[in-house]
Amino acid sequence: MSSARVERVKRQLLREVTTILKEDLKDPRIGFVTVMQADLSPDMRNAKIFVSIMGTPEEQAETFQVLTHAAGFIRIQIGHRMRLRYTPEILFVKDESIVHVDRVLQLLNEIKTKESPHD
């Protein structure tokens, strides 16, 4: 399979999953979710969807659990929206990069505060 095709399908998959989460998944337990990235296997049969979830740890865990249980529904919706021979299996993965970026910024601000001369 050409890598250009895999990349195109991956971008479309990212858009479709975002739309499905925003418009079609009507579960009140889902908090603020951002689809960060999609990884697609070369044979396009498996997809990892990286999501960032905001909220308390309990809210994040509940939202992730709902997403995991909704993977079958999301896969069916993707099958209806995208013209593919095989609809990929969906696996959601927590993307913790925003938490790490926030921590690095916090540390940099602490360093800046300590180094600034006090008047």
C-alpha atoms as a PDB file:
ATOM      1  CA  MET A   1       0.000   0.000   0.000  1.00  0.00           C
ATOM      2  CA  SER A   2       1.415   3.381  -0.907  1.00  0.00           C
ATOM      3  CA  SER A   3       2.409   5.540   2.019  1.00  0.00           C
ATOM      4  CA  ALA A   4       0.774   8.566   0.351  1.00  0.00           C
ATOM      5  CA  ARG A   5      -2.571   6.755   0.381  1.00  0.00           C
ATOM      6  CA  VAL A   6      -2.119   5.727   4.017  1.00  0.00           C
ATOM      7  CA  GLU A   7      -1.392   9.374   4.904  1.00  0.00           C
ATOM      8  CA  ARG A   8      -4.505  10.601   3.055  1.00  0.00           C
ATOM      9  CA  VAL A   9      -6.693   8.006   4.742  1.00  0.00           C
ATOM     10  CA  LYS A  10      -5.125   8.855   8.111  1.00  0.00           C
ATOM     11  CA  ARG A  11      -5.962  12.562   7.691  1.00  0.00           C
ATOM     12  CA  GLN A  12      -9.524  11.753   6.663  1.00  0.00           C
ATOM     13  CA  LEU A  13      -9.871   9.330   9.573  1.00  0.00           C
ATOM     14  CA  LEU A  14      -8.740  12.068  11.962  1.00  0.00           C
ATOM     15  CA  ARG A  15     -11.371  14.466  10.571  1.00  0.00           C
ATOM     16  CA  GLU A  16     -14.139  11.862  10.659  1.00  0.00           C
ATOM     17  CA  VAL A  17     -13.440  10.728  14.230  1.00  0.00           C
ATOM     18  CA  THR A  18     -13.400  14.365  15.368  1.00  0.00           C
ATOM     19  CA  THR A  19     -16.745  14.986  13.686  1.00  0.00           C
ATOM     20  CA  ILE A  20     -18.285  11.801  15.085  1.00  0.00           C
ATOM     21  CA  LEU A  21     -17.208  12.678  18.623  1.00  0.00           C
ATOM     22  CA  LYS A  22     -18.530  16.210  18.251  1.00  0.00           C
ATOM     23  CA  GLU A  23     -21.807  15.548  16.476  1.00  0.00           C
ATOM     24  CA  ASP A  24     -22.862  11.898  16.694  1.00  0.00           C
ATOM     25  CA  LEU A  25     -21.764  10.555  20.055  1.00  0.00           C
ATOM     26  CA  LYS A  26     -24.473  11.747  22.436  1.00  0.00           C
ATOM     27  CA  ASP A  27     -23.193  10.437  25.752  1.00  0.00           C
ATOM     28  CA  PRO A  28     -23.346  13.013  28.564  1.00  0.00           C
ATOM     29  CA  ARG A  29     -20.418  11.313  30.323  1.00  0.00           C
ATOM     30  CA  ILE A  30     -18.035  12.448  27.607  1.00  0.00           C
ATOM     31  CA  GLY A  31     -16.106  15.486  28.711  1.00  0.00           C
ATOM     32  CA  PHE A  32     -13.869  17.765  26.707  1.00  0.00           C
ATOM     33  CA  VAL A  33     -11.996  15.530  24.244  1.00  0.00           C
ATOM     34  CA  THR A  34      -9.510  16.632  21.609  1.00  0.00           C
ATOM     35  CA  VAL A  35      -8.432  14.204  18.909  1.00  0.00           C
ATOM     36  CA  MET A  36      -4.703  14.805  18.652  1.00  0.00           C
ATOM     37  CA  GLN A  37      -3.432  12.277  16.137  1.00  0.00           C
ATOM     38  CA  ALA A  38      -4.342   9.140  14.235  1.00  0.00           C
ATOM     39  CA  ASP A  39      -1.915   6.340  13.442  1.00  0.00           C
ATOM     40  CA  LEU A  40      -2.908   3.859  10.789  1.00  0.00           C
ATOM     41  CA  SER A  41      -1.253   0.509  10.158  1.00  0.00           C
ATOM     42  CA  PRO A  42       0.242   0.053   6.665  1.00  0.00           C
ATOM     43  CA  ASP A  43      -2.537  -2.392   5.738  1.00  0.00           C
ATOM     44  CA  MET A  44      -5.098   0.149   7.058  1.00  0.00           C
ATOM     45  CA  ARG A  45      -6.861  -2.445   9.215  1.00  0.00           C
ATOM     46  CA  ASN A  46      -5.939  -0.934  12.588  1.00  0.00           C
ATOM     47  CA  ALA A  47      -6.041   2.656  13.776  1.00  0.00           C
ATOM     48  CA  LYS A  48      -4.803   4.219  16.982  1.00  0.00           C
ATOM     49  CA  ILE A  49      -6.605   7.433  17.820  1.00  0.00           C
ATOM     50  CA  PHE A  50      -4.700   9.604  20.287  1.00  0.00           C
ATOM     51  CA  VAL A  51      -6.989  11.746  22.424  1.00  0.00           C
ATOM     52  CA  SER A  52      -6.402  14.406  25.032  1.00  0.00           C
ATOM     53  CA  ILE A  53      -9.061  14.568  27.737  1.00  0.00           C
ATOM     54  CA  MET A  54      -9.520  17.545  30.031  1.00  0.00           C
ATOM     55  CA  GLY A  55     -11.065  17.438  33.494  1.00  0.00           C
ATOM     56  CA  THR A  56     -10.452  15.826  36.849  1.00  0.00           C
ATOM     57  CA  PRO A  57      -8.757  12.425  36.874  1.00  0.00           C
ATOM     58  CA  GLU A  58     -12.141  10.806  37.544  1.00  0.00           C
ATOM     59  CA  GLU A  59     -13.774  12.644  34.618  1.00  0.00           C
ATOM     60  CA  GLN A  60     -10.854  11.716  32.368  1.00  0.00           C
ATOM     61  CA  ALA A  61     -11.109   8.042  33.325  1.00  0.00           C
ATOM     62  CA  GLU A  62     -14.868   7.994  32.749  1.00  0.00           C
ATOM     63  CA  THR A  63     -14.558   9.762  29.391  1.00  0.00           C
ATOM     64  CA  PHE A  64     -11.820   7.359  28.274  1.00  0.00           C
ATOM     65  CA  GLN A  65     -13.948   4.385  29.320  1.00  0.00           C
ATOM     66  CA  VAL A  66     -16.913   5.728  27.315  1.00  0.00           C
ATOM     67  CA  LEU A  67     -14.676   6.268  24.266  1.00  0.00           C
ATOM     68  CA  THR A  68     -13.315   2.736  24.552  1.00  0.00           C
ATOM     69  CA  HIS A  69     -16.829   1.299  24.719  1.00  0.00           C
ATOM     70  CA  ALA A  70     -17.968   3.505  21.814  1.00  0.00           C
ATOM     71  CA  ALA A  71     -15.148   2.343  19.510  1.00  0.00           C
ATOM     72  CA  GLY A  72     -17.467  -0.121  17.742  1.00  0.00           C
ATOM     73  CA  PHE A  73     -20.073   2.579  17.085  1.00  0.00           C
ATOM     74  CA  ILE A  74     -17.374   4.948  15.834  1.00  0.00           C
ATOM     75  CA  ARG A  75     -16.004   2.231  13.553  1.00  0.00           C
ATOM     76  CA  ILE A  76     -19.469   1.677  12.051  1.00  0.00           C
ATOM     77  CA  GLN A  77     -19.848   5.428  11.472  1.00  0.00           C
ATOM     78  CA  ILE A  78     -16.442   5.554   9.778  1.00  0.00           C
ATOM     79  CA  GLY A  79     -17.506   2.641   7.583  1.00  0.00           C
ATOM     80  CA  HIS A  80     -20.520   4.658   6.429  1.00  0.00           C
ATOM     81  CA  ARG A  81     -18.512   7.826   5.791  1.00  0.00           C
ATOM     82  CA  MET A  82     -15.299   6.569   4.213  1.00  0.00           C
ATOM     83  CA  ARG A  83     -14.915   4.417   1.127  1.00  0.00           C
ATOM     84  CA  LEU A  84     -12.506   1.738   2.275  1.00  0.00           C
ATOM     85  CA  ARG A  85     -12.307  -1.963   1.576  1.00  0.00           C
ATOM     86  CA  TYR A  86     -11.827  -2.617   5.299  1.00  0.00           C
ATOM     87  CA  THR A  87     -12.904  -0.295   8.061  1.00  0.00           C
ATOM     88  CA  PRO A  88     -10.045  -0.127  10.555  1.00  0.00           C
ATOM     89  CA  GLU A  89     -10.380  -1.392  14.105  1.00  0.00           C
ATOM     90  CA  ILE A  90     -10.279   1.604  16.443  1.00  0.00           C
ATOM     91  CA  LEU A  91      -8.087   1.762  19.529  1.00  0.00           C
ATOM     92  CA  PHE A  92      -8.143   4.918  21.642  1.00  0.00           C
ATOM     93  CA  VAL A  93      -4.905   5.953  23.340  1.00  0.00           C
ATOM     94  CA  LYS A  94      -4.530   8.715  25.931  1.00  0.00           C
ATOM     95  CA  ASP A  95      -2.243  11.476  24.713  1.00  0.00           C
ATOM     96  CA  GLU A  96      -0.508  12.971  27.732  1.00  0.00           C
ATOM     97  CA  SER A  97       1.618  15.438  25.743  1.00  0.00           C
ATOM     98  CA  ILE A  98      -0.458  18.461  26.818  1.00  0.00           C
ATOM     99  CA  VAL A  99       0.112  17.559  30.479  1.00  0.00           C
ATOM    100  CA  HIS A 100       3.856  17.313  29.845  1.00  0.00           C
ATOM    101  CA  VAL A 101       3.949  20.622  27.962  1.00  0.00           C
ATOM    102  CA  ASP A 102       2.020  22.305  30.781  1.00  0.00           C
ATOM    103  CA  ARG A 103       4.495  20.938  33.351  1.00  0.00           C
ATOM    104  CA  VAL A 104       7.513  22.133  31.326  1.00  0.00           C
ATOM    105  CA  LEU A 105       5.987  25.611  31.020  1.00  0.00           C
ATOM    106  CA  GLN A 106       5.325  25.650  34.756  1.00  0.00           C
ATOM    107  CA  LEU A 107       8.945  24.722  35.478  1.00  0.00           C
ATOM    108  CA  LEU A 108      10.246  27.360  33.064  1.00  0.00           C
ATOM    109  CA  ASN A 109       8.102  29.998  34.745  1.00  0.00           C
ATOM    110  CA  GLU A 110       9.468  28.956  38.146  1.00  0.00           C
ATOM    111  CA  ILE A 111      13.036  29.278  36.859  1.00  0.00           C
ATOM    112  CA  LYS A 112      12.276  32.663  35.330  1.00  0.00           C
ATOM    113  CA  THR A 113      10.747  33.872  38.599  1.00  0.00           C
ATOM    114  CA  LYS A 114      13.785  32.721  40.611  1.00  0.00           C
ATOM    115  CA  GLU A 115      16.264  34.337  38.207  1.00  0.00           C
ATOM    116  CA  SER A 116      14.542  37.693  37.898  1.00  0.00           C
ATOM    117  CA  PRO A 117      16.063  40.371  40.136  1.00  0.00           C
ATOM    118  CA  HIS A 118      13.832  41.517  42.950  1.00  0.00           C
ATOM    119  CA  ASP A 119      13.363  45.268  43.234  1.00  0.00           C
END
